Amino acid sequence: MSCLLCNDGGTAWMFEFAGVKTLKLFGVTNEKKFSRPGFSQAIQIKDFGYKELNDFPISKYEEILYRFLEN
């Protein structure tokens, strides 16, 4: 497995520690407090003006994911 797109939780942490490139989704949780710098990248939906994960457009996820995979 070369990468993972996952919400912030136990699954994301396990893959991060296994060295898998991880893109984590954050709703109301603070990504600065709960991210592991250098091991993952976070999407904080409130930075885009959304309050609920379900409201965040899939097209935006795709855009961010493609940029993440290019690096």
C-alpha atoms as a PDB file:
ATOM      1  CA  MET A   1       0.000   0.000   0.000  1.00  0.00           C
ATOM      2  CA  SER A   2       1.526   3.312  -1.033  1.00  0.00           C
ATOM      3  CA  CYS A   3      -0.976   5.817   0.424  1.00  0.00           C
ATOM      4  CA  LEU A   4      -4.100   6.161   2.552  1.00  0.00           C
ATOM      5  CA  LEU A   5      -7.005   8.635   2.571  1.00  0.00           C
ATOM      6  CA  CYS A   6      -8.696   8.348   5.958  1.00  0.00           C
ATOM      7  CA  ASN A   7     -10.436  10.291   8.690  1.00  0.00           C
ATOM      8  CA  ASP A   8      -8.396  11.075  11.785  1.00  0.00           C
ATOM      9  CA  GLY A   9      -8.579   7.985  13.931  1.00  0.00           C
ATOM     10  CA  GLY A  10      -6.834   4.789  14.915  1.00  0.00           C
ATOM     11  CA  THR A  11      -6.617   3.465  11.365  1.00  0.00           C
ATOM     12  CA  ALA A  12      -4.784   6.570  10.169  1.00  0.00           C
ATOM     13  CA  TRP A  13      -2.332   6.385  13.062  1.00  0.00           C
ATOM     14  CA  MET A  14      -1.521   2.709  12.434  1.00  0.00           C
ATOM     15  CA  PHE A  15      -0.733   3.342   8.778  1.00  0.00           C
ATOM     16  CA  GLU A  16       1.309   6.462   9.593  1.00  0.00           C
ATOM     17  CA  PHE A  17       3.482   4.494  12.004  1.00  0.00           C
ATOM     18  CA  ALA A  18       3.877   1.776   9.334  1.00  0.00           C
ATOM     19  CA  GLY A  19       5.332   4.429   7.012  1.00  0.00           C
ATOM     20  CA  VAL A  20       2.349   4.734   4.649  1.00  0.00           C
ATOM     21  CA  LYS A  21       1.829   8.217   3.165  1.00  0.00           C
ATOM     22  CA  THR A  22      -1.420   9.380   4.809  1.00  0.00           C
ATOM     23  CA  LEU A  23      -3.885  12.149   3.967  1.00  0.00           C
ATOM     24  CA  LYS A  24      -6.142  12.684   6.999  1.00  0.00           C
ATOM     25  CA  LEU A  25      -9.551  14.342   7.040  1.00  0.00           C
ATOM     26  CA  PHE A  26     -10.455  16.541   9.989  1.00  0.00           C
ATOM     27  CA  GLY A  27     -13.888  17.915  10.786  1.00  0.00           C
ATOM     28  CA  VAL A  28     -14.010  19.794  14.079  1.00  0.00           C
ATOM     29  CA  THR A  29     -10.819  18.259  15.513  1.00  0.00           C
ATOM     30  CA  ASN A  30      -7.690  20.423  15.506  1.00  0.00           C
ATOM     31  CA  GLU A  31      -5.217  18.960  13.013  1.00  0.00           C
ATOM     32  CA  LYS A  32      -2.288  20.801  14.603  1.00  0.00           C
ATOM     33  CA  LYS A  33      -2.919  18.994  17.870  1.00  0.00           C
ATOM     34  CA  PHE A  34      -3.647  15.547  16.431  1.00  0.00           C
ATOM     35  CA  SER A  35      -1.414  15.263  13.343  1.00  0.00           C
ATOM     36  CA  ARG A  36       2.033  13.801  13.182  1.00  0.00           C
ATOM     37  CA  PRO A  37       4.174  16.365  11.300  1.00  0.00           C
ATOM     38  CA  GLY A  38       6.234  14.849   8.519  1.00  0.00           C
ATOM     39  CA  PHE A  39       4.163  11.663   8.433  1.00  0.00           C
ATOM     40  CA  SER A  40       0.841  12.936   7.140  1.00  0.00           C
ATOM     41  CA  GLN A  41      -0.992  15.842   5.602  1.00  0.00           C
ATOM     42  CA  ALA A  42      -4.346  17.079   6.876  1.00  0.00           C
ATOM     43  CA  ILE A  43      -7.469  18.514   5.311  1.00  0.00           C
ATOM     44  CA  GLN A  44      -9.183  20.802   7.823  1.00  0.00           C
ATOM     45  CA  ILE A  45     -12.650  21.282   6.343  1.00  0.00           C
ATOM     46  CA  LYS A  46     -13.363  24.402   8.391  1.00  0.00           C
ATOM     47  CA  ASP A  47     -10.502  26.106   6.497  1.00  0.00           C
ATOM     48  CA  PHE A  48     -12.688  25.753   3.394  1.00  0.00           C
ATOM     49  CA  GLY A  49     -15.817  27.106   5.102  1.00  0.00           C
ATOM     50  CA  TYR A  50     -17.512  23.771   5.896  1.00  0.00           C
ATOM     51  CA  LYS A  51     -18.705  22.500   9.270  1.00  0.00           C
ATOM     52  CA  GLU A  52     -19.646  18.911   8.360  1.00  0.00           C
ATOM     53  CA  LEU A  53     -17.564  16.293   6.540  1.00  0.00           C
ATOM     54  CA  ASN A  54     -20.639  15.320   4.510  1.00  0.00           C
ATOM     55  CA  ASP A  55     -20.866  18.856   3.091  1.00  0.00           C
ATOM     56  CA  PHE A  56     -17.269  18.925   1.841  1.00  0.00           C
ATOM     57  CA  PRO A  57     -17.377  18.382  -1.962  1.00  0.00           C
ATOM     58  CA  ILE A  58     -15.842  15.204  -3.354  1.00  0.00           C
ATOM     59  CA  SER A  59     -14.265  17.243  -6.154  1.00  0.00           C
ATOM     60  CA  LYS A  60     -12.285  19.167  -3.517  1.00  0.00           C
ATOM     61  CA  TYR A  61     -11.098  15.894  -1.932  1.00  0.00           C
ATOM     62  CA  GLU A  62      -9.941  14.735  -5.367  1.00  0.00           C
ATOM     63  CA  GLU A  63      -8.072  17.974  -6.051  1.00  0.00           C
ATOM     64  CA  ILE A  64      -6.252  17.841  -2.711  1.00  0.00           C
ATOM     65  CA  LEU A  65      -5.560  14.105  -3.048  1.00  0.00           C
ATOM     66  CA  TYR A  66      -3.986  14.486  -6.502  1.00  0.00           C
ATOM     67  CA  ARG A  67      -1.697  17.263  -5.231  1.00  0.00           C
ATOM     68  CA  PHE A  68      -0.803  15.111  -2.221  1.00  0.00           C
ATOM     69  CA  LEU A  69       0.097  12.134  -4.418  1.00  0.00           C
ATOM     70  CA  GLU A  70       2.299  14.272  -6.687  1.00  0.00           C
ATOM     71  CA  ASN A  71       4.635  15.092  -3.788  1.00  0.00           C
END
